[in-house]
Amino acid sequence: MGRSTNQFGKIAARYLAVSAIALILAACGGGGGGASTSTPSEIPSQPAQNRAPQIAGTPATTAQVGATYVFHPAASDADNDTLSFQISSKPAWASFDPASGTLTGTPASNNIGTSSNIVISVSDGTASVSLPAFSIQVQAAPQTDLPPTISGTPPTTIVAGQAYSFRPSASDPNGDTLTFSISGKPAWAAFNTTTGRLNGTPAPADVGSYTGIVIRVSDGTTTVALAAFTITVTQVTNGTATISWIPPTQNTDGSPLTDLAGYRIYYGTSPSNLNQVVELSNPGLTSYMVENLSPSTWYFSMRSFSTDGTESEASGLASKTIL
């Protein structure tokens, strides 16, 4: 039978050739006379490459005494590996959770200062990554402003011509600088805004009542005040003092006193300066009223004198306060 050269014949011959090769390969497979089949070898799979974890977050760099500090970084792992956290240069006042990476603590006053080069890192057991190093500065807690205090009882009456003075007591628990102010100040008085002192000497023309006087103090934030008060200026009222004594009957040597001529009363507003005198030329007197004494404390002493002008020693001091 002749070989076909048409197109179909060429295709058929080609397939026959392939089949023959396949048979030859099968025959060379070895091992006995029976036919055998061959299984292609499997290519080993490559192990998955570990992917490093990720960590992010911006920690606060300041903390205040008495306030809780908390920083919790965000971390993840693309391979879902279990993560653990580490820290270096942890502040002594803080604690660290290796499971969550949370840094927390409450600094005390002895922790004021800066903790530097703090580094938080996370690991998946194979790879480790870190946040940039940071610092935490512990600052003193802001001081709570407390109001100042003011106290004192101002005099409410004064005689014209006498000096008036009142200075309240004031303090501030924060040690703030205090400033005083006044409303309703009498025209005859002066006021010191640094000390709070109100002082002055009213004249007779200032007689009357001055009401609604209020002294205040401020620490720059809070102002407190004394209760409103009144100062009444009264007219000068002259007083009197009656001096009584027992007439002397003998001289200092014990001899009878026969030449008593009278008495001199010395008086003044200072016990060491009795600069006013009343002379009484009647040896029979046993008392005398001193008049026109202005409001003050007056001091009195007496001496007797003889016909030749000789004075006795001074008596003891007596005093009277004229209001």
C-alpha atoms as a PDB file:
ATOM      1  CA  MET A   1       0.000   0.000   0.000  1.00  0.00           C
ATOM      2  CA  GLY A   2       1.483   3.278  -1.026  1.00  0.00           C
ATOM      3  CA  ARG A   3       2.001   6.244   1.419  1.00  0.00           C
ATOM      4  CA  SER A   4      -0.574   8.927   1.054  1.00  0.00           C
ATOM      5  CA  THR A   5       0.727  12.373   0.444  1.00  0.00           C
ATOM      6  CA  ASN A   6      -2.471  14.268   0.892  1.00  0.00           C
ATOM      7  CA  GLN A   7      -2.865  16.565   3.825  1.00  0.00           C
ATOM      8  CA  PHE A   8      -4.813  14.073   5.877  1.00  0.00           C
ATOM      9  CA  GLY A   9      -2.190  11.452   5.221  1.00  0.00           C
ATOM     10  CA  LYS A  10       0.568  13.691   6.533  1.00  0.00           C
ATOM     11  CA  ILE A  11      -1.310  14.362   9.693  1.00  0.00           C
ATOM     12  CA  ALA A  12      -1.970  10.674  10.221  1.00  0.00           C
ATOM     13  CA  ALA A  13       1.676   9.786   9.702  1.00  0.00           C
ATOM     14  CA  ARG A  14       2.721  12.397  12.200  1.00  0.00           C
ATOM     15  CA  TYR A  15       0.450  10.987  14.846  1.00  0.00           C
ATOM     16  CA  LEU A  16       1.750   7.508  14.134  1.00  0.00           C
ATOM     17  CA  ALA A  17       5.271   8.711  14.666  1.00  0.00           C
ATOM     18  CA  VAL A  18       4.372  10.230  17.982  1.00  0.00           C
ATOM     19  CA  SER A  19       2.631   7.056  19.033  1.00  0.00           C
ATOM     20  CA  ALA A  20       5.671   5.028  18.097  1.00  0.00           C
ATOM     21  CA  ILE A  21       7.911   7.198  20.217  1.00  0.00           C
ATOM     22  CA  ALA A  22       5.533   6.862  23.111  1.00  0.00           C
ATOM     23  CA  LEU A  23       5.589   3.065  22.725  1.00  0.00           C
ATOM     24  CA  ILE A  24       9.338   2.992  22.568  1.00  0.00           C
ATOM     25  CA  LEU A  25       9.557   5.040  25.723  1.00  0.00           C
ATOM     26  CA  ALA A  26       7.151   2.744  27.399  1.00  0.00           C
ATOM     27  CA  ALA A  27       9.114  -0.309  26.264  1.00  0.00           C
ATOM     28  CA  CYS A  28      12.336   1.117  27.656  1.00  0.00           C
ATOM     29  CA  GLY A  29      10.729   1.733  30.997  1.00  0.00           C
ATOM     30  CA  GLY A  30      12.332  -1.484  32.169  1.00  0.00           C
ATOM     31  CA  GLY A  31      11.283  -4.033  34.611  1.00  0.00           C
ATOM     32  CA  GLY A  32       9.563  -7.055  33.153  1.00  0.00           C
ATOM     33  CA  GLY A  33       7.654  -7.630  30.106  1.00  0.00           C
ATOM     34  CA  GLY A  34       4.512  -5.818  31.143  1.00  0.00           C
ATOM     35  CA  ALA A  35       3.671  -2.244  30.337  1.00  0.00           C
ATOM     36  CA  SER A  36       4.204   0.456  33.025  1.00  0.00           C
ATOM     37  CA  THR A  37       3.199   4.079  33.516  1.00  0.00           C
ATOM     38  CA  SER A  38       5.324   7.024  34.776  1.00  0.00           C
ATOM     39  CA  THR A  39       4.125   9.769  37.253  1.00  0.00           C
ATOM     40  CA  PRO A  40       5.728  13.226  36.852  1.00  0.00           C
ATOM     41  CA  SER A  41       7.730  14.378  39.953  1.00  0.00           C
ATOM     42  CA  GLU A  42       6.158  17.207  42.200  1.00  0.00           C
ATOM     43  CA  ILE A  43       8.121  20.501  42.602  1.00  0.00           C
ATOM     44  CA  PRO A  44       8.669  21.280  46.386  1.00  0.00           C
ATOM     45  CA  SER A  45       6.776  24.421  47.644  1.00  0.00           C
ATOM     46  CA  GLN A  46       8.887  27.354  48.949  1.00  0.00           C
ATOM     47  CA  PRO A  47       8.252  28.416  52.621  1.00  0.00           C
ATOM     48  CA  ALA A  48       6.339  31.753  52.997  1.00  0.00           C
ATOM     49  CA  GLN A  49       8.662  34.740  53.701  1.00  0.00           C
ATOM     50  CA  ASN A  50       8.111  36.433  57.135  1.00  0.00           C
ATOM     51  CA  ARG A  51       6.798  39.979  57.005  1.00  0.00           C
ATOM     52  CA  ALA A  52       7.938  42.344  59.761  1.00  0.00           C
ATOM     53  CA  PRO A  53       5.329  43.826  62.133  1.00  0.00           C
ATOM     54  CA  GLN A  54       4.326  47.479  62.046  1.00  0.00           C
ATOM     55  CA  ILE A  55       4.238  49.967  64.966  1.00  0.00           C
ATOM     56  CA  ALA A  56       2.957  53.538  65.077  1.00  0.00           C
ATOM     57  CA  GLY A  57       1.946  56.228  67.544  1.00  0.00           C
ATOM     58  CA  THR A  58       3.021  59.613  68.852  1.00  0.00           C
ATOM     59  CA  PRO A  59       3.693  59.609  72.595  1.00  0.00           C
ATOM     60  CA  ALA A  60       3.113  62.716  74.684  1.00  0.00           C
ATOM     61  CA  THR A  61       6.432  64.243  75.649  1.00  0.00           C
ATOM     62  CA  THR A  62       5.267  66.002  78.821  1.00  0.00           C
ATOM     63  CA  ALA A  63       3.645  64.756  82.014  1.00  0.00           C
ATOM     64  CA  GLN A  64       2.444  66.595  85.111  1.00  0.00           C
ATOM     65  CA  VAL A  65       3.022  65.709  88.721  1.00  0.00           C
ATOM     66  CA  GLY A  66      -0.041  63.928  90.077  1.00  0.00           C
ATOM     67  CA  ALA A  67      -1.590  63.318  86.640  1.00  0.00           C
ATOM     68  CA  THR A  68      -1.710  59.892  84.968  1.00  0.00           C
ATOM     69  CA  TYR A  69       0.402  59.488  81.837  1.00  0.00           C
ATOM     70  CA  VAL A  70      -0.720  56.860  79.278  1.00  0.00           C
ATOM     71  CA  PHE A  71       0.694  55.951  75.884  1.00  0.00           C
ATOM     72  CA  HIS A  72      -0.499  52.934  73.878  1.00  0.00           C
ATOM     73  CA  PRO A  73       1.207  52.337  70.512  1.00  0.00           C
ATOM     74  CA  ALA A  74      -0.672  50.811  67.574  1.00  0.00           C
ATOM     75  CA  ALA A  75       0.915  47.611  66.235  1.00  0.00           C
ATOM     76  CA  SER A  76      -0.050  44.974  63.652  1.00  0.00           C
ATOM     77  CA  ASP A  77       1.428  41.994  61.819  1.00  0.00           C
ATOM     78  CA  ALA A  78       0.530  40.986  58.249  1.00  0.00           C
ATOM     79  CA  ASP A  79       1.233  37.333  59.091  1.00  0.00           C
ATOM     80  CA  ASN A  80      -0.974  37.488  62.199  1.00  0.00           C
ATOM     81  CA  ASP A  81       1.992  36.482  64.340  1.00  0.00           C
ATOM     82  CA  THR A  82       1.780  36.949  68.105  1.00  0.00           C
ATOM     83  CA  LEU A  83       3.410  40.245  69.025  1.00  0.00           C
ATOM     84  CA  SER A  84       5.368  41.200  72.116  1.00  0.00           C
ATOM     85  CA  PHE A  85       6.607  44.637  73.141  1.00  0.00           C
ATOM     86  CA  GLN A  86       9.810  45.823  74.737  1.00  0.00           C
ATOM     87  CA  ILE A  87      11.010  49.155  76.140  1.00  0.00           C
ATOM     88  CA  SER A  88      14.371  50.671  76.923  1.00  0.00           C
ATOM     89  CA  SER A  89      15.104  53.656  79.205  1.00  0.00           C
ATOM     90  CA  LYS A  90      11.712  53.337  80.893  1.00  0.00           C
ATOM     91  CA  PRO A  91      11.085  56.175  83.394  1.00  0.00           C
ATOM     92  CA  ALA A  92      11.320  54.998  87.014  1.00  0.00           C
ATOM     93  CA  TRP A  93       7.837  56.338  87.764  1.00  0.00           C
ATOM     94  CA  ALA A  94       6.180  54.397  84.901  1.00  0.00           C
ATOM     95  CA  SER A  95       5.188  50.779  84.251  1.00  0.00           C
ATOM     96  CA  PHE A  96       5.179  48.937  80.922  1.00  0.00           C
ATOM     97  CA  ASP A  97       2.925  46.123  79.631  1.00  0.00           C
ATOM     98  CA  PRO A  98       4.851  43.825  77.235  1.00  0.00           C
ATOM     99  CA  ALA A  99       1.606  42.341  75.916  1.00  0.00           C
ATOM    100  CA  SER A 100       0.023  45.629  74.844  1.00  0.00           C
ATOM    101  CA  GLY A 101       2.962  48.034  74.753  1.00  0.00           C
ATOM    102  CA  THR A 102       1.166  50.439  77.099  1.00  0.00           C
ATOM    103  CA  LEU A 103       3.389  52.828  79.051  1.00  0.00           C
ATOM    104  CA  THR A 104       1.606  54.349  82.035  1.00  0.00           C
ATOM    105  CA  GLY A 105       2.335  55.984  85.376  1.00  0.00           C
ATOM    106  CA  THR A 106       1.723  58.937  87.691  1.00  0.00           C
ATOM    107  CA  PRO A 107       4.866  60.959  88.415  1.00  0.00           C
ATOM    108  CA  ALA A 108       5.426  62.517  91.840  1.00  0.00           C
ATOM    109  CA  SER A 109       7.130  65.791  92.687  1.00  0.00           C
ATOM    110  CA  ASN A 110      10.482  64.039  93.089  1.00  0.00           C
ATOM    111  CA  ASN A 111      10.211  62.861  89.456  1.00  0.00           C
ATOM    112  CA  ILE A 112      10.336  66.382  88.017  1.00  0.00           C
ATOM    113  CA  GLY A 113      12.832  66.337  85.171  1.00  0.00           C
ATOM    114  CA  THR A 114      13.347  64.659  81.798  1.00  0.00           C
ATOM    115  CA  SER A 115      13.585  60.957  80.927  1.00  0.00           C
ATOM    116  CA  SER A 116      15.370  60.642  77.566  1.00  0.00           C
ATOM    117  CA  ASN A 117      15.982  58.045  74.835  1.00  0.00           C
ATOM    118  CA  ILE A 118      12.855  56.019  75.544  1.00  0.00           C
ATOM    119  CA  VAL A 119      12.388  53.391  72.838  1.00  0.00           C
ATOM    120  CA  ILE A 120       9.347  51.107  72.456  1.00  0.00           C
ATOM    121  CA  SER A 121       9.706  48.190  70.031  1.00  0.00           C
ATOM    122  CA  VAL A 122       7.523  45.292  68.895  1.00  0.00           C
ATOM    123  CA  SER A 123       8.554  41.822  67.716  1.00  0.00           C
ATOM    124  CA  ASP A 124       6.777  38.957  65.959  1.00  0.00           C
ATOM    125  CA  GLY A 125       9.434  36.508  67.130  1.00  0.00           C
ATOM    126  CA  THR A 126      11.518  36.958  64.002  1.00  0.00           C
ATOM    127  CA  ALA A 127      11.642  40.643  63.177  1.00  0.00           C
ATOM    128  CA  SER A 128      11.541  43.658  65.487  1.00  0.00           C
ATOM    129  CA  VAL A 129      10.658  47.285  64.710  1.00  0.00           C
ATOM    130  CA  SER A 130      10.724  50.368  66.949  1.00  0.00           C
ATOM    131  CA  LEU A 131       9.239  53.797  67.365  1.00  0.00           C
ATOM    132  CA  PRO A 132      11.699  56.694  67.216  1.00  0.00           C
ATOM    133  CA  ALA A 133      13.337  57.423  70.571  1.00  0.00           C
ATOM    134  CA  PHE A 134      11.439  60.028  72.608  1.00  0.00           C
ATOM    135  CA  SER A 135      11.645  61.893  75.909  1.00  0.00           C
ATOM    136  CA  ILE A 136       9.119  62.661  78.639  1.00  0.00           C
ATOM    137  CA  GLN A 137       9.508  65.817  80.690  1.00  0.00           C
ATOM    138  CA  VAL A 138       7.764  65.753  84.073  1.00  0.00           C
ATOM    139  CA  GLN A 139       6.531  69.209  85.035  1.00  0.00           C
ATOM    140  CA  ALA A 140       5.165  70.559  88.293  1.00  0.00           C
ATOM    141  CA  ALA A 141       1.392  70.545  88.464  1.00  0.00           C
ATOM    142  CA  PRO A 142      -0.179  73.958  87.879  1.00  0.00           C
ATOM    143  CA  GLN A 143      -0.961  75.592  91.194  1.00  0.00           C
ATOM    144  CA  THR A 144      -4.622  75.975  92.053  1.00  0.00           C
ATOM    145  CA  ASP A 145      -5.362  79.641  92.657  1.00  0.00           C
ATOM    146  CA  LEU A 146      -6.771  80.191  96.133  1.00  0.00           C
ATOM    147  CA  PRO A 147      -8.334  83.526  97.092  1.00  0.00           C
ATOM    148  CA  PRO A 148      -6.567  85.901  99.467  1.00  0.00           C
ATOM    149  CA  THR A 149      -7.903  86.602 102.951  1.00  0.00           C
ATOM    150  CA  ILE A 150      -8.457  89.932 104.681  1.00  0.00           C
ATOM    151  CA  SER A 151      -9.433  90.703 108.262  1.00  0.00           C
ATOM    152  CA  GLY A 152      -9.428  93.475 110.816  1.00  0.00           C
ATOM    153  CA  THR A 153     -11.764  95.729 112.781  1.00  0.00           C
ATOM    154  CA  PRO A 154     -11.406  99.393 111.841  1.00  0.00           C
ATOM    155  CA  PRO A 155     -12.058 102.107 114.445  1.00  0.00           C
ATOM    156  CA  THR A 156     -15.410 103.711 113.755  1.00  0.00           C
ATOM    157  CA  THR A 157     -15.087 106.965 115.732  1.00  0.00           C
ATOM    158  CA  ILE A 158     -12.421 109.636 115.880  1.00  0.00           C
ATOM    159  CA  VAL A 159     -12.286 113.065 117.493  1.00  0.00           C
ATOM    160  CA  ALA A 160     -11.483 115.936 115.175  1.00  0.00           C
ATOM    161  CA  GLY A 161      -7.827 116.810 115.496  1.00  0.00           C
ATOM    162  CA  GLN A 162      -6.792 113.285 116.449  1.00  0.00           C
ATOM    163  CA  ALA A 163      -4.924 110.918 114.132  1.00  0.00           C
ATOM    164  CA  TYR A 164      -6.884 108.010 112.656  1.00  0.00           C
ATOM    165  CA  SER A 165      -5.118 104.864 111.435  1.00  0.00           C
ATOM    166  CA  PHE A 166      -6.261 101.403 110.365  1.00  0.00           C
ATOM    167  CA  ARG A 167      -4.361  98.681 108.530  1.00  0.00           C
ATOM    168  CA  PRO A 168      -6.086  95.373 107.716  1.00  0.00           C
ATOM    169  CA  SER A 169      -4.362  91.998 107.873  1.00  0.00           C
ATOM    170  CA  ALA A 170      -4.192  90.203 104.516  1.00  0.00           C
ATOM    171  CA  SER A 171      -2.462  87.111 103.160  1.00  0.00           C
ATOM    172  CA  ASP A 172      -2.501  84.827 100.129  1.00  0.00           C
ATOM    173  CA  PRO A 173      -2.057  81.026 100.377  1.00  0.00           C
ATOM    174  CA  ASN A 174      -0.320  80.964  96.977  1.00  0.00           C
ATOM    175  CA  GLY A 175       2.109  83.709  97.937  1.00  0.00           C
ATOM    176  CA  ASP A 176       0.733  86.010  95.241  1.00  0.00           C
ATOM    177  CA  THR A 177       1.453  89.741  95.376  1.00  0.00           C
ATOM    178  CA  LEU A 178      -1.502  91.571  96.907  1.00  0.00           C
ATOM    179  CA  THR A 179      -2.934  94.933  95.914  1.00  0.00           C
ATOM    180  CA  PHE A 180      -5.387  96.923  98.039  1.00  0.00           C
ATOM    181  CA  SER A 181      -8.154  99.266  96.961  1.00  0.00           C
ATOM    182  CA  ILE A 182     -10.798 101.332  98.724  1.00  0.00           C
ATOM    183  CA  SER A 183     -14.161 102.846  97.979  1.00  0.00           C
ATOM    184  CA  GLY A 184     -15.927 105.514 100.042  1.00  0.00           C
ATOM    185  CA  LYS A 185     -12.625 106.932 101.332  1.00  0.00           C
ATOM    186  CA  PRO A 186     -13.053 110.087 103.463  1.00  0.00           C
ATOM    187  CA  ALA A 187     -11.507 113.160 101.857  1.00  0.00           C
ATOM    188  CA  TRP A 188      -9.390 113.826 104.965  1.00  0.00           C
ATOM    189  CA  ALA A 189      -7.777 110.357 104.803  1.00  0.00           C
ATOM    190  CA  ALA A 190      -5.022 108.791 102.690  1.00  0.00           C
ATOM    191  CA  PHE A 191      -4.885 105.174 101.512  1.00  0.00           C
ATOM    192  CA  ASN A 192      -1.870 102.968 100.734  1.00  0.00           C
ATOM    193  CA  THR A 193      -2.576 100.450  97.945  1.00  0.00           C
ATOM    194  CA  THR A 194       0.456  98.357  98.927  1.00  0.00           C
ATOM    195  CA  THR A 195      -0.306  97.944 102.637  1.00  0.00           C
ATOM    196  CA  GLY A 196      -4.034  98.735 102.793  1.00  0.00           C
ATOM    197  CA  ARG A 197      -3.451 101.356 105.489  1.00  0.00           C
ATOM    198  CA  LEU A 198      -6.083 104.087 105.882  1.00  0.00           C
ATOM    199  CA  ASN A 199      -4.927 107.068 107.901  1.00  0.00           C
ATOM    200  CA  GLY A 200      -5.464 110.775 108.378  1.00  0.00           C
ATOM    201  CA  THR A 201      -6.315 113.531 110.839  1.00  0.00           C
ATOM    202  CA  PRO A 202      -9.765 115.055 110.418  1.00  0.00           C
ATOM    203  CA  ALA A 203     -10.155 118.753 111.100  1.00  0.00           C
ATOM    204  CA  PRO A 204     -13.065 120.304 113.021  1.00  0.00           C
ATOM    205  CA  ALA A 205     -14.644 121.017 109.628  1.00  0.00           C
ATOM    206  CA  ASP A 206     -14.675 117.257 108.934  1.00  0.00           C
ATOM    207  CA  VAL A 207     -17.058 116.451 111.783  1.00  0.00           C
ATOM    208  CA  GLY A 208     -19.700 114.002 110.534  1.00  0.00           C
ATOM    209  CA  SER A 209     -20.204 110.379 109.464  1.00  0.00           C
ATOM    210  CA  TYR A 210     -18.480 108.729 106.506  1.00  0.00           C
ATOM    211  CA  THR A 211     -20.402 105.644 105.429  1.00  0.00           C
ATOM    212  CA  GLY A 212     -19.918 102.836 102.920  1.00  0.00           C
ATOM    213  CA  ILE A 213     -16.154 102.578 103.322  1.00  0.00           C
ATOM    214  CA  VAL A 214     -14.950  99.279 101.801  1.00  0.00           C
ATOM    215  CA  ILE A 215     -11.347  98.059 101.754  1.00  0.00           C
ATOM    216  CA  ARG A 216     -10.545  95.275  99.271  1.00  0.00           C
ATOM    217  CA  VAL A 217      -7.532  93.119  98.463  1.00  0.00           C
ATOM    218  CA  SER A 218      -6.757  91.271  95.221  1.00  0.00           C
ATOM    219  CA  ASP A 219      -4.208  88.630  94.207  1.00  0.00           C
ATOM    220  CA  GLY A 220      -4.655  89.542  90.555  1.00  0.00           C
ATOM    221  CA  THR A 221      -7.332  86.910  90.046  1.00  0.00           C
ATOM    222  CA  THR A 222      -9.685  87.079  93.008  1.00  0.00           C
ATOM    223  CA  THR A 223     -10.757  90.065  95.107  1.00  0.00           C
ATOM    224  CA  VAL A 224     -12.107  89.876  98.656  1.00  0.00           C
ATOM    225  CA  ALA A 225     -13.257  92.709 100.921  1.00  0.00           C
ATOM    226  CA  LEU A 226     -13.915  93.700 104.495  1.00  0.00           C
ATOM    227  CA  ALA A 227     -17.472  94.474 105.437  1.00  0.00           C
ATOM    228  CA  ALA A 228     -18.442  98.064 104.733  1.00  0.00           C
ATOM    229  CA  PHE A 229     -17.901 100.351 107.722  1.00  0.00           C
ATOM    230  CA  THR A 230     -18.517 103.915 108.879  1.00  0.00           C
ATOM    231  CA  ILE A 231     -16.165 106.423 110.482  1.00  0.00           C
ATOM    232  CA  THR A 232     -17.787 109.107 112.616  1.00  0.00           C
ATOM    233  CA  VAL A 233     -15.740 112.232 113.296  1.00  0.00           C
ATOM    234  CA  THR A 234     -16.862 113.949 116.510  1.00  0.00           C
ATOM    235  CA  GLN A 235     -16.240 117.437 117.821  1.00  0.00           C
ATOM    236  CA  VAL A 236     -13.470 118.100 120.287  1.00  0.00           C
ATOM    237  CA  THR A 237     -14.850 117.863 123.828  1.00  0.00           C
ATOM    238  CA  ASN A 238     -12.637 119.228 126.589  1.00  0.00           C
ATOM    239  CA  GLY A 239     -12.666 117.291 129.817  1.00  0.00           C
ATOM    240  CA  THR A 240     -11.795 117.922 133.426  1.00  0.00           C
ATOM    241  CA  ALA A 241      -9.776 116.184 136.109  1.00  0.00           C
ATOM    242  CA  THR A 242     -10.242 116.759 139.834  1.00  0.00           C
ATOM    243  CA  ILE A 243      -7.064 116.492 141.890  1.00  0.00           C
ATOM    244  CA  SER A 244      -7.417 115.881 145.654  1.00  0.00           C
ATOM    245  CA  TRP A 245      -4.720 115.872 148.331  1.00  0.00           C
ATOM    246  CA  ILE A 246      -4.024 116.049 152.039  1.00  0.00           C
ATOM    247  CA  PRO A 247      -2.183 119.248 153.069  1.00  0.00           C
ATOM    248  CA  PRO A 248       1.274 118.648 154.550  1.00  0.00           C
ATOM    249  CA  THR A 249       1.769 119.481 158.280  1.00  0.00           C
ATOM    250  CA  GLN A 250       5.511 119.121 158.768  1.00  0.00           C
ATOM    251  CA  ASN A 251       8.804 119.728 157.087  1.00  0.00           C
ATOM    252  CA  THR A 252      11.075 116.960 155.832  1.00  0.00           C
ATOM    253  CA  ASP A 253      13.097 117.204 159.073  1.00  0.00           C
ATOM    254  CA  GLY A 254       9.972 116.504 161.107  1.00  0.00           C
ATOM    255  CA  SER A 255       9.529 120.038 162.421  1.00  0.00           C
ATOM    256  CA  PRO A 256       6.071 121.656 162.231  1.00  0.00           C
ATOM    257  CA  LEU A 257       5.238 123.301 158.908  1.00  0.00           C
ATOM    258  CA  THR A 258       4.411 126.952 159.630  1.00  0.00           C
ATOM    259  CA  ASP A 259       5.096 128.755 156.351  1.00  0.00           C
ATOM    260  CA  LEU A 260       3.018 126.794 153.784  1.00  0.00           C
ATOM    261  CA  ALA A 261       2.048 129.219 151.015  1.00  0.00           C
ATOM    262  CA  GLY A 262       0.219 127.008 148.484  1.00  0.00           C
ATOM    263  CA  TYR A 263       0.449 124.300 145.826  1.00  0.00           C
ATOM    264  CA  ARG A 264       1.512 123.841 142.241  1.00  0.00           C
ATOM    265  CA  ILE A 265      -0.156 121.201 140.010  1.00  0.00           C
ATOM    266  CA  TYR A 266       2.045 120.035 137.108  1.00  0.00           C
ATOM    267  CA  TYR A 267       0.397 118.151 134.253  1.00  0.00           C
ATOM    268  CA  GLY A 268       0.816 117.049 130.620  1.00  0.00           C
ATOM    269  CA  THR A 269       0.103 114.255 128.147  1.00  0.00           C
ATOM    270  CA  SER A 270       3.464 112.575 128.756  1.00  0.00           C
ATOM    271  CA  PRO A 271       4.512 111.308 132.183  1.00  0.00           C
ATOM    272  CA  SER A 272       8.040 112.522 131.479  1.00  0.00           C
ATOM    273  CA  ASN A 273       6.992 115.974 130.303  1.00  0.00           C
ATOM    274  CA  LEU A 274       4.550 117.701 132.666  1.00  0.00           C
ATOM    275  CA  ASN A 275       4.807 121.011 130.836  1.00  0.00           C
ATOM    276  CA  GLN A 276       1.701 122.769 132.142  1.00  0.00           C
ATOM    277  CA  VAL A 277       1.254 124.148 135.656  1.00  0.00           C
ATOM    278  CA  VAL A 278      -1.473 125.615 137.847  1.00  0.00           C
ATOM    279  CA  GLU A 279      -0.378 127.562 140.930  1.00  0.00           C
ATOM    280  CA  LEU A 280      -2.768 127.657 143.899  1.00  0.00           C
ATOM    281  CA  SER A 281      -1.882 130.306 146.514  1.00  0.00           C
ATOM    282  CA  ASN A 282      -4.334 129.042 149.107  1.00  0.00           C
ATOM    283  CA  PRO A 283      -2.686 126.613 151.559  1.00  0.00           C
ATOM    284  CA  GLY A 284      -6.087 125.591 152.863  1.00  0.00           C
ATOM    285  CA  LEU A 285      -7.214 123.904 149.611  1.00  0.00           C
ATOM    286  CA  THR A 286      -7.565 120.107 149.471  1.00  0.00           C
ATOM    287  CA  SER A 287      -8.739 119.676 145.838  1.00  0.00           C
ATOM    288  CA  TYR A 288      -8.759 121.413 142.483  1.00  0.00           C
ATOM    289  CA  MET A 289     -10.456 120.797 139.107  1.00  0.00           C
ATOM    290  CA  VAL A 290      -8.224 121.103 136.049  1.00  0.00           C
ATOM    291  CA  GLU A 291     -10.353 122.092 133.049  1.00  0.00           C
ATOM    292  CA  ASN A 292     -10.146 122.267 129.247  1.00  0.00           C
ATOM    293  CA  LEU A 293      -8.356 118.964 128.870  1.00  0.00           C
ATOM    294  CA  SER A 294      -8.476 117.733 125.271  1.00  0.00           C
ATOM    295  CA  PRO A 295      -9.087 114.044 124.563  1.00  0.00           C
ATOM    296  CA  SER A 296      -5.948 112.195 125.630  1.00  0.00           C
ATOM    297  CA  THR A 297      -4.406 110.586 128.680  1.00  0.00           C
ATOM    298  CA  TRP A 298      -3.226 113.257 131.112  1.00  0.00           C
ATOM    299  CA  TYR A 299      -0.679 112.863 133.895  1.00  0.00           C
ATOM    300  CA  PHE A 300      -0.597 114.943 137.105  1.00  0.00           C
ATOM    301  CA  SER A 301       1.846 115.631 139.945  1.00  0.00           C
ATOM    302  CA  MET A 302       1.845 118.153 142.841  1.00  0.00           C
ATOM    303  CA  ARG A 303       4.332 120.131 144.865  1.00  0.00           C
ATOM    304  CA  SER A 304       3.675 122.383 147.858  1.00  0.00           C
ATOM    305  CA  PHE A 305       5.678 125.576 148.288  1.00  0.00           C
ATOM    306  CA  SER A 306       6.537 127.792 151.247  1.00  0.00           C
ATOM    307  CA  THR A 307       6.395 131.541 151.660  1.00  0.00           C
ATOM    308  CA  ASP A 308      10.004 131.845 150.557  1.00  0.00           C
ATOM    309  CA  GLY A 309       9.213 129.922 147.330  1.00  0.00           C
ATOM    310  CA  THR A 310      10.841 126.648 148.325  1.00  0.00           C
ATOM    311  CA  GLU A 311       9.090 123.623 146.741  1.00  0.00           C
ATOM    312  CA  SER A 312       8.568 120.258 148.290  1.00  0.00           C
ATOM    313  CA  GLU A 313       9.403 117.023 146.549  1.00  0.00           C
ATOM    314  CA  ALA A 314       6.939 115.958 143.824  1.00  0.00           C
ATOM    315  CA  SER A 315       4.076 113.692 144.676  1.00  0.00           C
ATOM    316  CA  GLY A 316       3.452 110.462 142.821  1.00  0.00           C
ATOM    317  CA  LEU A 317       1.855 110.512 139.334  1.00  0.00           C
ATOM    318  CA  ALA A 318      -1.885 110.356 138.817  1.00  0.00           C
ATOM    319  CA  SER A 319      -3.550 110.037 135.394  1.00  0.00           C
ATOM    320  CA  LYS A 320      -6.887 110.395 133.668  1.00  0.00           C
ATOM    321  CA  THR A 321      -7.979 109.619 130.108  1.00  0.00           C
ATOM    322  CA  ILE A 322     -10.238 112.135 128.428  1.00  0.00           C
ATOM    323  CA  LEU A 323     -12.348 110.634 125.632  1.00  0.00           C
END
